């Protein structure tokens, strides 16, 4: 479960994913960052989460879905 310093989400991801077995799941919280991830001029935490979302989306090791509940939750399963 990732819910920590937003600027460190990618490094946390890169520590976790290689250690996971096939079928393992990561739940990541706050991936909508109060809707600010859609702002093209996002800065700070919103920019970090936007970059993280792009990173997760491009990661061929995982299947991921972003759920629009609360402040956003991504569920990612290792292939």
N, C-alpha and C. Protein backbone atom coordinates (compact mmCIF):
# COMPACT_ATOMS: atom_id res chain seq x y z
N UNK A 1 0.85 -1.17 0.00
CA UNK A 1 0.00 0.00 0.00
C UNK A 1 0.90 1.23 0.00
N UNK A 2 0.79 2.05 -1.03
CA UNK A 2 1.57 3.29 -1.11
C UNK A 2 0.70 4.47 -0.71
N UNK A 3 1.10 5.13 0.35
CA UNK A 3 0.46 6.37 0.80
C UNK A 3 1.49 7.11 1.63
N UNK A 4 2.46 7.68 0.95
CA UNK A 4 3.59 8.31 1.64
C UNK A 4 3.92 9.63 0.96
N UNK A 5 5.16 10.05 1.10
CA UNK A 5 5.65 11.26 0.46
C UNK A 5 5.43 11.16 -1.05
N UNK A 6 4.63 12.05 -1.60
CA UNK A 6 4.21 11.95 -3.01
C UNK A 6 5.40 12.02 -3.98
N UNK A 7 6.40 12.78 -3.66
CA UNK A 7 7.57 12.89 -4.51
C UNK A 7 8.40 11.61 -4.55
N UNK A 8 8.16 10.70 -3.61
CA UNK A 8 8.91 9.45 -3.55
C UNK A 8 8.13 8.24 -4.06
N UNK A 9 6.95 8.46 -4.62
CA UNK A 9 6.15 7.33 -5.09
C UNK A 9 6.91 6.49 -6.14
N UNK A 10 7.58 7.12 -7.08
CA UNK A 10 8.29 6.35 -8.12
C UNK A 10 9.43 5.54 -7.51
N UNK A 11 10.29 6.12 -6.67
CA UNK A 11 11.32 5.28 -6.05
C UNK A 11 10.74 4.13 -5.21
N UNK A 12 9.65 4.38 -4.47
CA UNK A 12 9.00 3.30 -3.72
C UNK A 12 8.53 2.21 -4.68
N UNK A 13 7.89 2.62 -5.77
CA UNK A 13 7.40 1.69 -6.79
C UNK A 13 8.54 0.82 -7.30
N UNK A 14 9.65 1.46 -7.62
CA UNK A 14 10.79 0.74 -8.18
C UNK A 14 11.49 -0.16 -7.16
N UNK A 15 11.28 0.06 -5.90
CA UNK A 15 11.77 -0.86 -4.87
C UNK A 15 10.83 -2.05 -4.72
N UNK A 16 9.54 -1.80 -4.83
CA UNK A 16 8.54 -2.85 -4.60
C UNK A 16 8.37 -3.81 -5.76
N UNK A 17 8.19 -3.29 -6.95
CA UNK A 17 7.82 -4.12 -8.10
C UNK A 17 8.81 -5.27 -8.35
N UNK A 18 10.11 -5.04 -8.37
CA UNK A 18 11.01 -6.16 -8.63
C UNK A 18 10.97 -7.26 -7.57
N UNK A 19 10.53 -6.92 -6.38
CA UNK A 19 10.48 -7.89 -5.27
C UNK A 19 9.19 -8.70 -5.24
N UNK A 20 8.22 -8.31 -6.06
CA UNK A 20 6.91 -8.94 -6.03
C UNK A 20 6.89 -10.21 -6.87
N UNK A 21 6.05 -11.13 -6.48
CA UNK A 21 5.82 -12.31 -7.31
C UNK A 21 4.65 -12.04 -8.23
N UNK A 22 4.51 -12.84 -9.27
CA UNK A 22 3.38 -12.71 -10.19
C UNK A 22 2.07 -12.81 -9.41
N UNK A 23 1.15 -11.91 -9.71
CA UNK A 23 -0.14 -11.89 -9.02
C UNK A 23 -0.18 -10.98 -7.82
N UNK A 24 0.98 -10.49 -7.37
CA UNK A 24 1.03 -9.57 -6.24
C UNK A 24 0.38 -8.24 -6.60
N UNK A 25 -0.17 -7.55 -5.60
CA UNK A 25 -0.92 -6.32 -5.83
C UNK A 25 -0.35 -5.16 -5.00
N UNK A 26 -0.28 -4.00 -5.63
CA UNK A 26 0.04 -2.75 -4.94
C UNK A 26 -1.19 -1.85 -5.05
N UNK A 27 -1.63 -1.31 -3.93
CA UNK A 27 -2.68 -0.30 -3.91
C UNK A 27 -2.00 1.04 -3.63
N UNK A 28 -2.29 2.04 -4.47
CA UNK A 28 -1.67 3.36 -4.33
C UNK A 28 -2.76 4.40 -4.12
N UNK A 29 -2.64 5.17 -3.06
CA UNK A 29 -3.65 6.15 -2.68
C UNK A 29 -3.30 7.55 -3.21
N UNK A 30 -4.31 8.38 -3.31
CA UNK A 30 -4.19 9.80 -3.65
C UNK A 30 -3.70 10.06 -5.07
N UNK A 31 -4.03 9.20 -6.02
CA UNK A 31 -3.52 9.32 -7.39
C UNK A 31 -4.27 10.36 -8.22
N UNK A 32 -5.30 10.96 -7.67
CA UNK A 32 -5.97 12.07 -8.36
C UNK A 32 -5.55 13.42 -7.77
N UNK A 33 -4.97 13.40 -6.60
CA UNK A 33 -4.44 14.58 -5.91
C UNK A 33 -5.41 15.76 -6.01
N UNK A 34 -6.61 15.54 -5.50
CA UNK A 34 -7.67 16.56 -5.46
C UNK A 34 -8.01 17.10 -6.85
N UNK A 35 -7.84 16.26 -7.87
CA UNK A 35 -8.15 16.66 -9.24
C UNK A 35 -7.06 17.48 -9.90
N UNK A 36 -6.00 17.79 -9.18
CA UNK A 36 -4.96 18.65 -9.73
C UNK A 36 -4.02 17.94 -10.70
N UNK A 37 -4.11 16.61 -10.82
CA UNK A 37 -3.24 15.90 -11.76
C UNK A 37 -3.61 16.20 -13.21
N UNK A 38 -4.77 16.77 -13.43
CA UNK A 38 -5.18 17.13 -14.79
C UNK A 38 -4.71 18.52 -15.20
N UNK A 39 -4.15 19.26 -14.27
CA UNK A 39 -3.66 20.61 -14.55
C UNK A 39 -2.32 20.52 -15.28
N UNK A 40 -2.23 21.03 -16.52
CA UNK A 40 -0.97 20.95 -17.26
C UNK A 40 0.15 21.75 -16.60
N UNK A 41 -0.20 22.69 -15.73
CA UNK A 41 0.81 23.50 -15.03
C UNK A 41 0.99 23.05 -13.58
N UNK A 42 0.65 21.81 -13.29
CA UNK A 42 0.74 21.29 -11.92
C UNK A 42 2.17 21.38 -11.41
N UNK A 43 2.28 21.66 -10.11
CA UNK A 43 3.58 21.73 -9.45
C UNK A 43 3.51 20.93 -8.16
N UNK A 44 4.64 20.76 -7.53
CA UNK A 44 4.69 20.10 -6.22
C UNK A 44 4.15 18.69 -6.25
N UNK A 45 3.33 18.37 -5.24
CA UNK A 45 2.78 17.03 -5.12
C UNK A 45 1.94 16.62 -6.31
N UNK A 46 1.17 17.54 -6.86
CA UNK A 46 0.33 17.22 -8.02
C UNK A 46 1.19 16.82 -9.21
N UNK A 47 2.29 17.51 -9.44
CA UNK A 47 3.19 17.17 -10.54
C UNK A 47 3.85 15.81 -10.29
N UNK A 48 4.21 15.54 -9.04
CA UNK A 48 4.83 14.26 -8.70
C UNK A 48 3.86 13.11 -8.93
N UNK A 49 2.61 13.29 -8.56
CA UNK A 49 1.61 12.24 -8.76
C UNK A 49 1.31 12.07 -10.24
N UNK A 50 1.26 13.15 -10.97
CA UNK A 50 1.04 13.07 -12.42
C UNK A 50 2.17 12.25 -13.07
N UNK A 51 3.41 12.51 -12.69
CA UNK A 51 4.55 11.77 -13.20
C UNK A 51 4.48 10.30 -12.79
N UNK A 52 4.07 10.05 -11.54
CA UNK A 52 3.90 8.67 -11.07
C UNK A 52 2.84 7.94 -11.88
N UNK A 53 1.70 8.58 -12.11
CA UNK A 53 0.63 7.95 -12.89
C UNK A 53 1.12 7.57 -14.29
N UNK A 54 1.90 8.45 -14.92
CA UNK A 54 2.47 8.15 -16.24
C UNK A 54 3.44 6.98 -16.15
N UNK A 55 4.23 6.94 -15.10
CA UNK A 55 5.20 5.87 -14.89
C UNK A 55 4.49 4.52 -14.74
N UNK A 56 3.46 4.49 -13.93
CA UNK A 56 2.70 3.25 -13.71
C UNK A 56 2.03 2.80 -15.00
N UNK A 57 1.44 3.73 -15.71
CA UNK A 57 0.76 3.41 -16.96
C UNK A 57 1.70 2.79 -17.99
N UNK A 58 2.95 3.20 -17.98
CA UNK A 58 3.92 2.72 -18.96
C UNK A 58 4.66 1.46 -18.50
N UNK A 59 4.42 1.00 -17.28
CA UNK A 59 5.16 -0.13 -16.73
C UNK A 59 4.59 -1.45 -17.24
N UNK A 60 5.30 -2.10 -18.15
CA UNK A 60 4.84 -3.34 -18.78
C UNK A 60 4.86 -4.54 -17.81
N UNK A 61 5.46 -4.37 -16.65
CA UNK A 61 5.50 -5.47 -15.67
C UNK A 61 4.18 -5.62 -14.93
N UNK A 62 3.33 -4.58 -15.02
CA UNK A 62 2.13 -4.52 -14.19
C UNK A 62 0.89 -4.26 -15.03
N UNK A 63 -0.25 -4.74 -14.53
CA UNK A 63 -1.57 -4.36 -15.05
C UNK A 63 -2.17 -3.44 -13.99
N UNK A 64 -2.62 -2.25 -14.39
CA UNK A 64 -3.10 -1.27 -13.42
C UNK A 64 -4.42 -0.66 -13.84
N UNK A 65 -5.19 -0.27 -12.82
CA UNK A 65 -6.44 0.44 -13.04
C UNK A 65 -6.54 1.54 -12.00
N UNK A 66 -6.91 2.74 -12.45
CA UNK A 66 -7.11 3.87 -11.56
C UNK A 66 -8.60 3.98 -11.27
N UNK A 67 -8.95 3.89 -10.00
CA UNK A 67 -10.34 3.99 -9.57
C UNK A 67 -10.62 5.39 -9.07
N UNK A 68 -11.74 5.94 -9.47
CA UNK A 68 -12.09 7.32 -9.09
C UNK A 68 -12.90 7.35 -7.81
N UNK A 69 -12.42 6.69 -6.79
CA UNK A 69 -13.05 6.74 -5.48
C UNK A 69 -12.22 7.67 -4.60
N UNK A 70 -12.92 8.47 -3.82
CA UNK A 70 -12.27 9.43 -2.92
C UNK A 70 -11.25 10.27 -3.69
N UNK A 71 -9.97 10.21 -3.30
CA UNK A 71 -8.93 11.00 -3.96
C UNK A 71 -8.15 10.17 -4.98
N UNK A 72 -8.74 9.07 -5.40
CA UNK A 72 -8.13 8.21 -6.42
C UNK A 72 -7.34 7.08 -5.80
N UNK A 73 -7.54 5.88 -6.32
CA UNK A 73 -6.85 4.69 -5.85
C UNK A 73 -6.45 3.89 -7.09
N UNK A 74 -5.18 3.55 -7.20
CA UNK A 74 -4.72 2.70 -8.29
C UNK A 74 -4.43 1.32 -7.73
N UNK A 75 -4.97 0.31 -8.40
CA UNK A 75 -4.66 -1.08 -8.08
C UNK A 75 -3.81 -1.63 -9.20
N UNK A 76 -2.67 -2.20 -8.85
CA UNK A 76 -1.72 -2.70 -9.83
C UNK A 76 -1.35 -4.14 -9.48
N UNK A 77 -1.44 -5.03 -10.47
CA UNK A 77 -1.13 -6.45 -10.29
C UNK A 77 0.06 -6.81 -11.14
N UNK A 78 1.02 -7.51 -10.55
CA UNK A 78 2.20 -7.91 -11.31
C UNK A 78 1.84 -9.04 -12.26
N UNK A 79 2.28 -8.91 -13.52
CA UNK A 79 2.01 -9.92 -14.54
C UNK A 79 2.79 -11.19 -14.28
